[in-house]
Amino acid sequence: MDLPATSISLAPIPSTADTGPTLERHVGEMVASAAGAIAEALGEYQNGGLSPLTKSRGGDLVFELFKLRQFLIADFDFDRIAVEYGLAVLLEASGADVDASTINILVDGVMDILRTVVRAALN
């Protein structure tokens, strides 16, 4: 039995300068997503009401952050990473559309909600 010849192409060796996605970046993206959901919820609330879908999405994102925090808290300064990288991701994503003080308020809001969830889980 003859096997057909195959062509194998090897991927280039990644550069050591390109570290790719990091755990810290992932945490920042999660915080940024939750902050976006909070901003969307505030906008809906100001325009007459909060939709169940937006409320649920925000709650789901905070719950995912809670689970991530529970997993990482023993080995990492989760709150510092969440704030630092959450701010960085939001600043990067918003460009000049949103000022830094608004981004700080949104990240602080996410962290306040997360702390409330953590306290409730501990009781």
PDB file of N, CA and C in Angstrom:
ATOM      1  N   MET A   1       0.853  -1.161   0.000  1.00  0.00           N
ATOM      2  CA  MET A   1       0.000   0.000   0.000  1.00  0.00           C
ATOM      3  C   MET A   1       0.899   1.224   0.000  1.00  0.00           C
ATOM      4  N   ASP A   2       0.686   2.076  -0.961  1.00  0.00           N
ATOM      5  CA  ASP A   2       1.462   3.308  -1.054  1.00  0.00           C
ATOM      6  C   ASP A   2       0.655   4.449  -0.449  1.00  0.00           C
ATOM      7  N   LEU A   3       1.307   5.184   0.430  1.00  0.00           N
ATOM      8  CA  LEU A   3       0.667   6.360   1.026  1.00  0.00           C
ATOM      9  C   LEU A   3       0.995   7.578   0.170  1.00  0.00           C
ATOM     10  N   PRO A   4       0.023   8.453  -0.001  1.00  0.00           N
ATOM     11  CA  PRO A   4       0.280   9.649  -0.806  1.00  0.00           C
ATOM     12  C   PRO A   4       1.286  10.560  -0.099  1.00  0.00           C
ATOM     13  N   ALA A   5       2.064  11.252  -0.895  1.00  0.00           N
ATOM     14  CA  ALA A   5       3.012  12.211  -0.331  1.00  0.00           C
ATOM     15  C   ALA A   5       2.235  13.370   0.263  1.00  0.00           C
ATOM     16  N   THR A   6       2.687  13.848   1.396  1.00  0.00           N
ATOM     17  CA  THR A   6       2.022  14.982   2.024  1.00  0.00           C
ATOM     18  C   THR A   6       2.968  16.157   2.097  1.00  0.00           C
ATOM     19  N   SER A   7       2.393  17.272   2.095  1.00  0.00           N
ATOM     20  CA  SER A   7       3.169  18.498   2.210  1.00  0.00           C
ATOM     21  C   SER A   7       2.944  19.065   3.599  1.00  0.00           C
ATOM     22  N   ILE A   8       4.002  19.275   4.313  1.00  0.00           N
ATOM     23  CA  ILE A   8       3.902  19.828   5.652  1.00  0.00           C
ATOM     24  C   ILE A   8       4.494  21.222   5.628  1.00  0.00           C
ATOM     25  N   SER A   9       3.699  22.177   6.040  1.00  0.00           N
ATOM     26  CA  SER A   9       4.244  23.529   6.151  1.00  0.00           C
ATOM     27  C   SER A   9       4.342  23.871   7.626  1.00  0.00           C
ATOM     28  N   LEU A  10       5.468  24.367   8.010  1.00  0.00           N
ATOM     29  CA  LEU A  10       5.692  24.717   9.404  1.00  0.00           C
ATOM     30  C   LEU A  10       5.438  26.199   9.609  1.00  0.00           C
ATOM     31  N   ALA A  11       4.813  26.503  10.705  1.00  0.00           N
ATOM     32  CA  ALA A  11       4.584  27.904  11.038  1.00  0.00           C
ATOM     33  C   ALA A  11       5.893  28.508  11.506  1.00  0.00           C
ATOM     34  N   PRO A  12       6.073  29.781  11.250  1.00  0.00           N
ATOM     35  CA  PRO A  12       7.307  30.410  11.716  1.00  0.00           C
ATOM     36  C   PRO A  12       7.368  30.434  13.238  1.00  0.00           C
ATOM     37  N   ILE A  13       8.548  30.414  13.771  1.00  0.00           N
ATOM     38  CA  ILE A  13       8.726  30.482  15.220  1.00  0.00           C
ATOM     39  C   ILE A  13       8.305  31.875  15.667  1.00  0.00           C
ATOM     40  N   PRO A  14       7.430  31.941  16.661  1.00  0.00           N
ATOM     41  CA  PRO A  14       6.975  33.260  17.090  1.00  0.00           C
ATOM     42  C   PRO A  14       8.117  34.072  17.690  1.00  0.00           C
ATOM     43  N   SER A  15       8.054  35.357  17.475  1.00  0.00           N
ATOM     44  CA  SER A  15       9.047  36.258  18.029  1.00  0.00           C
ATOM     45  C   SER A  15       8.876  36.325  19.538  1.00  0.00           C
ATOM     46  N   THR A  16       9.970  36.459  20.245  1.00  0.00           N
ATOM     47  CA  THR A  16       9.872  36.588  21.697  1.00  0.00           C
ATOM     48  C   THR A  16       9.310  37.944  22.087  1.00  0.00           C
ATOM     49  N   ALA A  17       9.352  38.897  21.162  1.00  0.00           N
ATOM     50  CA  ALA A  17       8.792  40.216  21.446  1.00  0.00           C
ATOM     51  C   ALA A  17       7.266  40.183  21.430  1.00  0.00           C
ATOM     52  N   ASP A  18       6.685  39.280  20.661  1.00  0.00           N
ATOM     53  CA  ASP A  18       5.233  39.167  20.574  1.00  0.00           C
ATOM     54  C   ASP A  18       4.772  38.127  21.580  1.00  0.00           C
ATOM     55  N   THR A  19       4.289  38.595  22.725  1.00  0.00           N
ATOM     56  CA  THR A  19       3.876  37.676  23.776  1.00  0.00           C
ATOM     57  C   THR A  19       2.457  37.171  23.588  1.00  0.00           C
ATOM     58  N   GLY A  20       1.696  37.781  22.693  1.00  0.00           N
ATOM     59  CA  GLY A  20       0.332  37.344  22.446  1.00  0.00           C
ATOM     60  C   GLY A  20      -0.582  37.697  23.602  1.00  0.00           C
ATOM     61  N   PRO A  21      -1.746  37.083  23.626  1.00  0.00           N
ATOM     62  CA  PRO A  21      -2.713  37.375  24.678  1.00  0.00           C
ATOM     63  C   PRO A  21      -2.160  36.983  26.053  1.00  0.00           C
ATOM     64  N   THR A  22      -2.482  37.791  27.022  1.00  0.00           N
ATOM     65  CA  THR A  22      -2.066  37.492  28.384  1.00  0.00           C
ATOM     66  C   THR A  22      -3.287  37.367  29.276  1.00  0.00           C
ATOM     67  N   LEU A  23      -3.073  36.764  30.409  1.00  0.00           N
ATOM     68  CA  LEU A  23      -4.136  36.651  31.396  1.00  0.00           C
ATOM     69  C   LEU A  23      -4.596  38.044  31.828  1.00  0.00           C
ATOM     70  N   GLU A  24      -3.635  38.939  32.023  1.00  0.00           N
ATOM     71  CA  GLU A  24      -3.964  40.295  32.430  1.00  0.00           C
ATOM     72  C   GLU A  24      -4.826  40.996  31.379  1.00  0.00           C
ATOM     73  N   ARG A  25      -4.483  40.810  30.132  1.00  0.00           N
ATOM     74  CA  ARG A  25      -5.254  41.417  29.046  1.00  0.00           C
ATOM     75  C   ARG A  25      -6.684  40.862  29.034  1.00  0.00           C
ATOM     76  N   HIS A  26      -6.814  39.557  29.252  1.00  0.00           N
ATOM     77  CA  HIS A  26      -8.144  38.944  29.285  1.00  0.00           C
ATOM     78  C   HIS A  26      -8.988  39.542  30.417  1.00  0.00           C
ATOM     79  N   VAL A  27      -8.387  39.695  31.588  1.00  0.00           N
ATOM     80  CA  VAL A  27      -9.102  40.303  32.709  1.00  0.00           C
ATOM     81  C   VAL A  27      -9.525  41.723  32.327  1.00  0.00           C
ATOM     82  N   GLY A  28      -8.615  42.485  31.717  1.00  0.00           N
ATOM     83  CA  GLY A  28      -8.937  43.839  31.288  1.00  0.00           C
ATOM     84  C   GLY A  28     -10.076  43.881  30.292  1.00  0.00           C
ATOM     85  N   GLU A  29     -10.093  42.937  29.377  1.00  0.00           N
ATOM     86  CA  GLU A  29     -11.174  42.876  28.388  1.00  0.00           C
ATOM     87  C   GLU A  29     -12.505  42.541  29.043  1.00  0.00           C
ATOM     88  N   MET A  30     -12.466  41.684  30.053  1.00  0.00           N
ATOM     89  CA  MET A  30     -13.696  41.358  30.776  1.00  0.00           C
ATOM     90  C   MET A  30     -14.224  42.589  31.523  1.00  0.00           C
ATOM     91  N   VAL A  31     -13.322  43.322  32.173  1.00  0.00           N
ATOM     92  CA  VAL A  31     -13.720  44.549  32.877  1.00  0.00           C
ATOM     93  C   VAL A  31     -14.274  45.556  31.872  1.00  0.00           C
ATOM     94  N   ALA A  32     -13.607  45.699  30.744  1.00  0.00           N
ATOM     95  CA  ALA A  32     -14.066  46.641  29.719  1.00  0.00           C
ATOM     96  C   ALA A  32     -15.450  46.249  29.195  1.00  0.00           C
ATOM     97  N   SER A  33     -15.688  44.969  29.005  1.00  0.00           N
ATOM     98  CA  SER A  33     -17.005  44.509  28.540  1.00  0.00           C
ATOM     99  C   SER A  33     -18.082  44.822  29.572  1.00  0.00           C
ATOM    100  N   ALA A  34     -17.786  44.567  30.835  1.00  0.00           N
ATOM    101  CA  ALA A  34     -18.746  44.871  31.897  1.00  0.00           C
ATOM    102  C   ALA A  34     -18.994  46.377  31.978  1.00  0.00           C
ATOM    103  N   ALA A  35     -17.934  47.176  31.826  1.00  0.00           N
ATOM    104  CA  ALA A  35     -18.084  48.636  31.844  1.00  0.00           C
ATOM    105  C   ALA A  35     -18.951  49.097  30.679  1.00  0.00           C
ATOM    106  N   GLY A  36     -18.770  48.496  29.529  1.00  0.00           N
ATOM    107  CA  GLY A  36     -19.599  48.824  28.376  1.00  0.00           C
ATOM    108  C   GLY A  36     -21.063  48.500  28.615  1.00  0.00           C
ATOM    109  N   ALA A  37     -21.301  47.370  29.258  1.00  0.00           N
ATOM    110  CA  ALA A  37     -22.676  46.978  29.573  1.00  0.00           C
ATOM    111  C   ALA A  37     -23.297  47.960  30.568  1.00  0.00           C
ATOM    112  N   ILE A  38     -22.507  48.419  31.534  1.00  0.00           N
ATOM    113  CA  ILE A  38     -23.007  49.398  32.498  1.00  0.00           C
ATOM    114  C   ILE A  38     -23.325  50.717  31.790  1.00  0.00           C
ATOM    115  N   ALA A  39     -22.455  51.148  30.897  1.00  0.00           N
ATOM    116  CA  ALA A  39     -22.696  52.381  30.148  1.00  0.00           C
ATOM    117  C   ALA A  39     -23.970  52.260  29.309  1.00  0.00           C
ATOM    118  N   GLU A  40     -24.140  51.105  28.688  1.00  0.00           N
ATOM    119  CA  GLU A  40     -25.349  50.876  27.893  1.00  0.00           C
ATOM    120  C   GLU A  40     -26.591  50.900  28.788  1.00  0.00           C
ATOM    121  N   ALA A  41     -26.497  50.280  29.948  1.00  0.00           N
ATOM    122  CA  ALA A  41     -27.624  50.255  30.878  1.00  0.00           C
ATOM    123  C   ALA A  41     -27.969  51.665  31.360  1.00  0.00           C
ATOM    124  N   LEU A  42     -26.957  52.462  31.653  1.00  0.00           N
ATOM    125  CA  LEU A  42     -27.209  53.849  32.068  1.00  0.00           C
ATOM    126  C   LEU A  42     -27.901  54.637  30.965  1.00  0.00           C
ATOM    127  N   GLY A  43     -27.454  54.424  29.728  1.00  0.00           N
ATOM    128  CA  GLY A  43     -28.093  55.102  28.601  1.00  0.00           C
ATOM    129  C   GLY A  43     -29.545  54.704  28.447  1.00  0.00           C
ATOM    130  N   GLU A  44     -29.818  53.421  28.560  1.00  0.00           N
ATOM    131  CA  GLU A  44     -31.210  52.953  28.456  1.00  0.00           C
ATOM    132  C   GLU A  44     -32.046  53.512  29.595  1.00  0.00           C
ATOM    133  N   TYR A  45     -31.496  53.502  30.796  1.00  0.00           N
ATOM    134  CA  TYR A  45     -32.228  53.991  31.958  1.00  0.00           C
ATOM    135  C   TYR A  45     -32.595  55.464  31.786  1.00  0.00           C
ATOM    136  N   GLN A  46     -31.650  56.254  31.275  1.00  0.00           N
ATOM    137  CA  GLN A  46     -31.906  57.672  31.060  1.00  0.00           C
ATOM    138  C   GLN A  46     -32.942  57.912  29.959  1.00  0.00           C
ATOM    139  N   ASN A  47     -33.085  56.952  29.064  1.00  0.00           N
ATOM    140  CA  ASN A  47     -34.041  57.090  27.966  1.00  0.00           C
ATOM    141  C   ASN A  47     -35.349  56.373  28.234  1.00  0.00           C
ATOM    142  N   GLY A  48     -35.648  56.094  29.477  1.00  0.00           N
ATOM    143  CA  GLY A  48     -36.968  55.586  29.806  1.00  0.00           C
ATOM    144  C   GLY A  48     -37.054  54.190  30.361  1.00  0.00           C
ATOM    145  N   GLY A  49     -35.992  53.441  30.413  1.00  0.00           N
ATOM    146  CA  GLY A  49     -36.088  52.123  31.014  1.00  0.00           C
ATOM    147  C   GLY A  49     -34.967  51.209  30.606  1.00  0.00           C
ATOM    148  N   LEU A  50     -34.697  50.281  31.455  1.00  0.00           N
ATOM    149  CA  LEU A  50     -33.627  49.314  31.243  1.00  0.00           C
ATOM    150  C   LEU A  50     -34.229  48.026  30.703  1.00  0.00           C
ATOM    151  N   SER A  51     -33.741  47.581  29.551  1.00  0.00           N
ATOM    152  CA  SER A  51     -34.275  46.354  28.964  1.00  0.00           C
ATOM    153  C   SER A  51     -33.762  45.143  29.737  1.00  0.00           C
ATOM    154  N   PRO A  52     -34.571  44.095  29.821  1.00  0.00           N
ATOM    155  CA  PRO A  52     -34.131  42.882  30.497  1.00  0.00           C
ATOM    156  C   PRO A  52     -32.863  42.284  29.873  1.00  0.00           C
ATOM    157  N   LEU A  53     -32.723  42.410  28.565  1.00  0.00           N
ATOM    158  CA  LEU A  53     -31.550  41.874  27.883  1.00  0.00           C
ATOM    159  C   LEU A  53     -30.269  42.582  28.332  1.00  0.00           C
ATOM    160  N   THR A  54     -30.312  43.897  28.410  1.00  0.00           N
ATOM    161  CA  THR A  54     -29.142  44.662  28.838  1.00  0.00           C
ATOM    162  C   THR A  54     -28.824  44.368  30.302  1.00  0.00           C
ATOM    163  N   LYS A  55     -29.843  44.304  31.129  1.00  0.00           N
ATOM    164  CA  LYS A  55     -29.648  44.004  32.549  1.00  0.00           C
ATOM    165  C   LYS A  55     -29.027  42.622  32.714  1.00  0.00           C
ATOM    166  N   SER A  56     -29.522  41.669  31.980  1.00  0.00           N
ATOM    167  CA  SER A  56     -29.007  40.303  32.043  1.00  0.00           C
ATOM    168  C   SER A  56     -27.565  40.227  31.551  1.00  0.00           C
ATOM    169  N   ARG A  57     -27.276  40.935  30.468  1.00  0.00           N
ATOM    170  CA  ARG A  57     -25.921  40.923  29.925  1.00  0.00           C
ATOM    171  C   ARG A  57     -24.924  41.477  30.933  1.00  0.00           C
ATOM    172  N   GLY A  58     -25.272  42.584  31.570  1.00  0.00           N
ATOM    173  CA  GLY A  58     -24.400  43.166  32.591  1.00  0.00           C
ATOM    174  C   GLY A  58     -24.189  42.218  33.750  1.00  0.00           C
ATOM    175  N   GLY A  59     -25.255  41.592  34.198  1.00  0.00           N
ATOM    176  CA  GLY A  59     -25.157  40.635  35.297  1.00  0.00           C
ATOM    177  C   GLY A  59     -24.305  39.434  34.932  1.00  0.00           C
ATOM    178  N   ASP A  60     -24.465  38.948  33.718  1.00  0.00           N
ATOM    179  CA  ASP A  60     -23.671  37.803  33.262  1.00  0.00           C
ATOM    180  C   ASP A  60     -22.184  38.151  33.216  1.00  0.00           C
ATOM    181  N   LEU A  61     -21.859  39.350  32.744  1.00  0.00           N
ATOM    182  CA  LEU A  61     -20.458  39.755  32.661  1.00  0.00           C
ATOM    183  C   LEU A  61     -19.845  39.921  34.047  1.00  0.00           C
ATOM    184  N   VAL A  62     -20.593  40.482  34.978  1.00  0.00           N
ATOM    185  CA  VAL A  62     -20.085  40.615  36.351  1.00  0.00           C
ATOM    186  C   VAL A  62     -19.902  39.231  36.969  1.00  0.00           C
ATOM    187  N   PHE A  63     -20.812  38.312  36.701  1.00  0.00           N
ATOM    188  CA  PHE A  63     -20.672  36.952  37.228  1.00  0.00           C
ATOM    189  C   PHE A  63     -19.433  36.269  36.656  1.00  0.00           C
ATOM    190  N   GLU A  64     -19.162  36.475  35.373  1.00  0.00           N
ATOM    191  CA  GLU A  64     -17.945  35.905  34.769  1.00  0.00           C
ATOM    192  C   GLU A  64     -16.694  36.500  35.419  1.00  0.00           C
ATOM    193  N   LEU A  65     -16.724  37.795  35.697  1.00  0.00           N
ATOM    194  CA  LEU A  65     -15.611  38.424  36.409  1.00  0.00           C
ATOM    195  C   LEU A  65     -15.456  37.840  37.809  1.00  0.00           C
ATOM    196  N   PHE A  66     -16.568  37.615  38.477  1.00  0.00           N
ATOM    197  CA  PHE A  66     -16.542  37.018  39.814  1.00  0.00           C
ATOM    198  C   PHE A  66     -15.877  35.639  39.769  1.00  0.00           C
ATOM    199  N   LYS A  67     -16.272  34.819  38.812  1.00  0.00           N
ATOM    200  CA  LYS A  67     -15.675  33.483  38.704  1.00  0.00           C
ATOM    201  C   LYS A  67     -14.178  33.576  38.408  1.00  0.00           C
ATOM    202  N   LEU A  68     -13.812  34.477  37.527  1.00  0.00           N
ATOM    203  CA  LEU A  68     -12.407  34.671  37.192  1.00  0.00           C
ATOM    204  C   LEU A  68     -11.627  35.135  38.423  1.00  0.00           C
ATOM    205  N   ARG A  69     -12.211  36.027  39.190  1.00  0.00           N
ATOM    206  CA  ARG A  69     -11.573  36.517  40.411  1.00  0.00           C
ATOM    207  C   ARG A  69     -11.376  35.372  41.400  1.00  0.00           C
ATOM    208  N   GLN A  70     -12.393  34.558  41.580  1.00  0.00           N
ATOM    209  CA  GLN A  70     -12.297  33.439  42.517  1.00  0.00           C
ATOM    210  C   GLN A  70     -11.174  32.486  42.119  1.00  0.00           C
ATOM    211  N   PHE A  71     -10.986  32.304  40.840  1.00  0.00           N
ATOM    212  CA  PHE A  71      -9.965  31.401  40.325  1.00  0.00           C
ATOM    213  C   PHE A  71      -8.562  31.977  40.496  1.00  0.00           C
ATOM    214  N   LEU A  72      -8.424  33.292  40.342  1.00  0.00           N
ATOM    215  CA  LEU A  72      -7.099  33.919  40.300  1.00  0.00           C
ATOM    216  C   LEU A  72      -6.651  34.564  41.605  1.00  0.00           C
ATOM    217  N   ILE A  73      -7.565  34.825  42.518  1.00  0.00           N
ATOM    218  CA  ILE A  73      -7.266  35.656  43.681  1.00  0.00           C
ATOM    219  C   ILE A  73      -6.147  35.090  44.556  1.00  0.00           C
ATOM    220  N   ALA A  74      -5.985  33.790  44.607  1.00  0.00           N
ATOM    221  CA  ALA A  74      -4.939  33.203  45.455  1.00  0.00           C
ATOM    222  C   ALA A  74      -3.538  33.496  44.938  1.00  0.00           C
ATOM    223  N   ASP A  75      -3.399  33.686  43.649  1.00  0.00           N
ATOM    224  CA  ASP A  75      -2.072  33.849  43.056  1.00  0.00           C
ATOM    225  C   ASP A  75      -1.792  35.238  42.481  1.00  0.00           C
ATOM    226  N   PHE A  76      -2.815  36.063  42.335  1.00  0.00           N
ATOM    227  CA  PHE A  76      -2.655  37.358  41.666  1.00  0.00           C
ATOM    228  C   PHE A  76      -3.362  38.453  42.454  1.00  0.00           C
ATOM    229  N   ASP A  77      -2.893  39.679  42.285  1.00  0.00           N
ATOM    230  CA  ASP A  77      -3.583  40.850  42.818  1.00  0.00           C
ATOM    231  C   ASP A  77      -4.676  41.205  41.808  1.00  0.00           C
ATOM    232  N   PHE A  78      -5.771  40.468  41.894  1.00  0.00           N
ATOM    233  CA  PHE A  78      -6.818  40.556  40.880  1.00  0.00           C
ATOM    234  C   PHE A  78      -7.355  41.973  40.724  1.00  0.00           C
ATOM    235  N   ASP A  79      -7.647  42.639  41.842  1.00  0.00           N
ATOM    236  CA  ASP A  79      -8.243  43.969  41.746  1.00  0.00           C
ATOM    237  C   ASP A  79      -7.308  44.946  41.032  1.00  0.00           C
ATOM    238  N   ARG A  80      -6.018  44.900  41.336  1.00  0.00           N
ATOM    239  CA  ARG A  80      -5.063  45.785  40.677  1.00  0.00           C
ATOM    240  C   ARG A  80      -5.013  45.502  39.176  1.00  0.00           C
ATOM    241  N   ILE A  81      -4.951  44.217  38.830  1.00  0.00           N
ATOM    242  CA  ILE A  81      -4.909  43.821  37.417  1.00  0.00           C
ATOM    243  C   ILE A  81      -6.188  44.261  36.710  1.00  0.00           C
ATOM    244  N   ALA A  82      -7.330  44.041  37.356  1.00  0.00           N
ATOM    245  CA  ALA A  82      -8.615  44.390  36.744  1.00  0.00           C
ATOM    246  C   ALA A  82      -8.706  45.884  36.463  1.00  0.00           C
ATOM    247  N   VAL A  83      -8.297  46.697  37.421  1.00  0.00           N
ATOM    248  CA  VAL A  83      -8.367  48.147  37.236  1.00  0.00           C
ATOM    249  C   VAL A  83      -7.362  48.597  36.188  1.00  0.00           C
ATOM    250  N   GLU A  84      -6.121  48.184  36.342  1.00  0.00           N
ATOM    251  CA  GLU A  84      -5.058  48.628  35.434  1.00  0.00           C
ATOM    252  C   GLU A  84      -5.337  48.244  33.988  1.00  0.00           C
ATOM    253  N   TYR A  85      -5.646  46.986  33.767  1.00  0.00           N
ATOM    254  CA  TYR A  85      -5.859  46.514  32.393  1.00  0.00           C
ATOM    255  C   TYR A  85      -7.247  46.883  31.872  1.00  0.00           C
ATOM    256  N   GLY A  86      -8.222  46.986  32.755  1.00  0.00           N
ATOM    257  CA  GLY A  86      -9.541  47.451  32.322  1.00  0.00           C
ATOM    258  C   GLY A  86      -9.471  48.872  31.796  1.00  0.00           C
ATOM    259  N   LEU A  87      -8.753  49.738  32.528  1.00  0.00           N
ATOM    260  CA  LEU A  87      -8.555  51.115  32.061  1.00  0.00           C
ATOM    261  C   LEU A  87      -7.824  51.139  30.726  1.00  0.00           C
ATOM    262  N   ALA A  88      -6.762  50.336  30.627  1.00  0.00           N
ATOM    263  CA  ALA A  88      -5.960  50.326  29.397  1.00  0.00           C
ATOM    264  C   ALA A  88      -6.787  49.871  28.200  1.00  0.00           C
ATOM    265  N   VAL A  89      -7.560  48.812  28.364  1.00  0.00           N
ATOM    266  CA  VAL A  89      -8.372  48.300  27.250  1.00  0.00           C
ATOM    267  C   VAL A  89      -9.434  49.321  26.847  1.00  0.00           C
ATOM    268  N   LEU A  90     -10.090  49.931  27.826  1.00  0.00           N
ATOM    269  CA  LEU A  90     -11.117  50.925  27.496  1.00  0.00           C
ATOM    270  C   LEU A  90     -10.518  52.161  26.833  1.00  0.00           C
ATOM    271  N   LEU A  91      -9.384  52.615  27.324  1.00  0.00           N
ATOM    272  CA  LEU A  91      -8.731  53.769  26.690  1.00  0.00           C
ATOM    273  C   LEU A  91      -8.343  53.448  25.251  1.00  0.00           C
ATOM    274  N   GLU A  92      -7.817  52.265  25.069  1.00  0.00           N
ATOM    275  CA  GLU A  92      -7.410  51.819  23.733  1.00  0.00           C
ATOM    276  C   GLU A  92      -8.619  51.702  22.804  1.00  0.00           C
ATOM    277  N   ALA A  93      -9.694  51.137  23.307  1.00  0.00           N
ATOM    278  CA  ALA A  93     -10.872  50.888  22.480  1.00  0.00           C
ATOM    279  C   ALA A  93     -11.649  52.159  22.167  1.00  0.00           C
ATOM    280  N   SER A  94     -11.660  53.106  23.082  1.00  0.00           N
ATOM    281  CA  SER A  94     -12.495  54.292  22.882  1.00  0.00           C
ATOM    282  C   SER A  94     -11.788  55.413  22.148  1.00  0.00           C
ATOM    283  N   GLY A  95     -10.472  55.377  22.126  1.00  0.00           N
ATOM    284  CA  GLY A  95      -9.740  56.444  21.451  1.00  0.00           C
ATOM    285  C   GLY A  95     -10.071  57.781  22.074  1.00  0.00           C
ATOM    286  N   ALA A  96     -10.438  58.725  21.252  1.00  0.00           N
ATOM    287  CA  ALA A  96     -10.766  60.062  21.747  1.00  0.00           C
ATOM    288  C   ALA A  96     -12.263  60.227  21.980  1.00  0.00           C
ATOM    289  N   ASP A  97     -13.043  59.167  21.776  1.00  0.00           N
ATOM    290  CA  ASP A  97     -14.498  59.268  21.903  1.00  0.00           C
ATOM    291  C   ASP A  97     -14.969  59.424  23.342  1.00  0.00           C
ATOM    292  N   VAL A  98     -14.207  58.877  24.296  1.00  0.00           N
ATOM    293  CA  VAL A  98     -14.588  58.922  25.705  1.00  0.00           C
ATOM    294  C   VAL A  98     -13.405  59.450  26.494  1.00  0.00           C
ATOM    295  N   ASP A  99     -13.666  60.392  27.406  1.00  0.00           N
ATOM    296  CA  ASP A  99     -12.541  60.948  28.157  1.00  0.00           C
ATOM    297  C   ASP A  99     -12.132  60.014  29.299  1.00  0.00           C
ATOM    298  N   ALA A 100     -10.929  60.210  29.779  1.00  0.00           N
ATOM    299  CA  ALA A 100     -10.339  59.331  30.793  1.00  0.00           C
ATOM    300  C   ALA A 100     -11.136  59.325  32.089  1.00  0.00           C
ATOM    301  N   SER A 101     -11.723  60.448  32.463  1.00  0.00           N
ATOM    302  CA  SER A 101     -12.484  60.484  33.717  1.00  0.00           C
ATOM    303  C   SER A 101     -13.735  59.608  33.625  1.00  0.00           C
ATOM    304  N   THR A 102     -14.380  59.583  32.475  1.00  0.00           N
ATOM    305  CA  THR A 102     -15.547  58.707  32.289  1.00  0.00           C
ATOM    306  C   THR A 102     -15.132  57.250  32.349  1.00  0.00           C
ATOM    307  N   ILE A 103     -14.003  56.934  31.740  1.00  0.00           N
ATOM    308  CA  ILE A 103     -13.495  55.558  31.774  1.00  0.00           C
ATOM    309  C   ILE A 103     -13.172  55.149  33.205  1.00  0.00           C
ATOM    310  N   ASN A 104     -12.574  56.052  33.975  1.00  0.00           N
ATOM    311  CA  ASN A 104     -12.289  55.759  35.386  1.00  0.00           C
ATOM    312  C   ASN A 104     -13.568  55.481  36.160  1.00  0.00           C
ATOM    313  N   ILE A 105     -14.598  56.273  35.912  1.00  0.00           N
ATOM    314  CA  ILE A 105     -15.878  56.091  36.600  1.00  0.00           C
ATOM    315  C   ILE A 105     -16.484  54.738  36.244  1.00  0.00           C
ATOM    316  N   LEU A 106     -16.421  54.364  34.974  1.00  0.00           N
ATOM    317  CA  LEU A 106     -16.987  53.075  34.545  1.00  0.00           C
ATOM    318  C   LEU A 106     -16.240  51.901  35.174  1.00  0.00           C
ATOM    319  N   VAL A 107     -14.912  51.957  35.171  1.00  0.00           N
ATOM    320  CA  VAL A 107     -14.129  50.863  35.766  1.00  0.00           C
ATOM    321  C   VAL A 107     -14.375  50.809  37.271  1.00  0.00           C
ATOM    322  N   ASP A 108     -14.409  51.961  37.934  1.00  0.00           N
ATOM    323  CA  ASP A 108     -14.717  51.984  39.368  1.00  0.00           C
ATOM    324  C   ASP A 108     -16.091  51.382  39.639  1.00  0.00           C
ATOM    325  N   GLY A 109     -17.055  51.676  38.762  1.00  0.00           N
ATOM    326  CA  GLY A 109     -18.393  51.112  38.919  1.00  0.00           C
ATOM    327  C   GLY A 109     -18.392  49.602  38.815  1.00  0.00           C
ATOM    328  N   VAL A 110     -17.663  49.078  37.852  1.00  0.00           N
ATOM    329  CA  VAL A 110     -17.556  47.618  37.700  1.00  0.00           C
ATOM    330  C   VAL A 110     -16.938  47.014  38.960  1.00  0.00           C
ATOM    331  N   MET A 111     -15.865  47.628  39.435  1.00  0.00           N
ATOM    332  CA  MET A 111     -15.183  47.083  40.606  1.00  0.00           C
ATOM    333  C   MET A 111     -16.055  47.180  41.859  1.00  0.00           C
ATOM    334  N   ASP A 112     -16.839  48.250  41.996  1.00  0.00           N
ATOM    335  CA  ASP A 112     -17.763  48.369  43.126  1.00  0.00           C
ATOM    336  C   ASP A 112     -18.813  47.270  43.088  1.00  0.00           C
ATOM    337  N   ILE A 113     -19.365  47.026  41.914  1.00  0.00           N
ATOM    338  CA  ILE A 113     -20.364  45.955  41.778  1.00  0.00           C
ATOM    339  C   ILE A 113     -19.732  44.608  42.084  1.00  0.00           C
ATOM    340  N   LEU A 114     -18.537  44.372  41.570  1.00  0.00           N
ATOM    341  CA  LEU A 114     -17.849  43.108  41.827  1.00  0.00           C
ATOM    342  C   LEU A 114     -17.585  42.922  43.316  1.00  0.00           C
ATOM    343  N   ARG A 115     -17.160  43.971  44.003  1.00  0.00           N
ATOM    344  CA  ARG A 115     -16.926  43.874  45.455  1.00  0.00           C
ATOM    345  C   ARG A 115     -18.217  43.544  46.201  1.00  0.00           C
ATOM    346  N   THR A 116     -19.321  44.119  45.760  1.00  0.00           N
ATOM    347  CA  THR A 116     -20.609  43.830  46.377  1.00  0.00           C
ATOM    348  C   THR A 116     -20.969  42.351  46.194  1.00  0.00           C
ATOM    349  N   VAL A 117     -20.740  41.824  45.006  1.00  0.00           N
ATOM    350  CA  VAL A 117     -21.004  40.407  44.731  1.00  0.00           C
ATOM    351  C   VAL A 117     -20.103  39.523  45.591  1.00  0.00           C
ATOM    352  N   VAL A 118     -18.825  39.887  45.709  1.00  0.00           N
ATOM    353  CA  VAL A 118     -17.894  39.124  46.530  1.00  0.00           C
ATOM    354  C   VAL A 118     -18.340  39.100  47.978  1.00  0.00           C
ATOM    355  N   ARG A 119     -18.713  40.270  48.512  1.00  0.00           N
ATOM    356  CA  ARG A 119     -19.176  40.331  49.911  1.00  0.00           C
ATOM    357  C   ARG A 119     -20.417  39.470  50.108  1.00  0.00           C
ATOM    358  N   ALA A 120     -21.342  39.540  49.166  1.00  0.00           N
ATOM    359  CA  ALA A 120     -22.573  38.743  49.286  1.00  0.00           C
ATOM    360  C   ALA A 120     -22.264  37.246  49.244  1.00  0.00           C
ATOM    361  N   ALA A 121     -21.295  36.860  48.434  1.00  0.00           N
ATOM    362  CA  ALA A 121     -20.932  35.434  48.336  1.00  0.00           C
ATOM    363  C   ALA A 121     -20.255  34.938  49.605  1.00  0.00           C
ATOM    364  N   LEU A 122     -19.565  35.829  50.301  1.00  0.00           N
ATOM    365  CA  LEU A 122     -18.870  35.432  51.521  1.00  0.00           C
ATOM    366  C   LEU A 122     -19.816  35.284  52.693  1.00  0.00           C
ATOM    367  N   ASN A 123     -20.993  35.883  52.612  1.00  0.00           N
ATOM    368  CA  ASN A 123     -21.964  35.812  53.740  1.00  0.00           C
ATOM    369  C   ASN A 123     -22.921  34.692  53.585  1.00  0.00           C
TER     370      ASN A 123
END
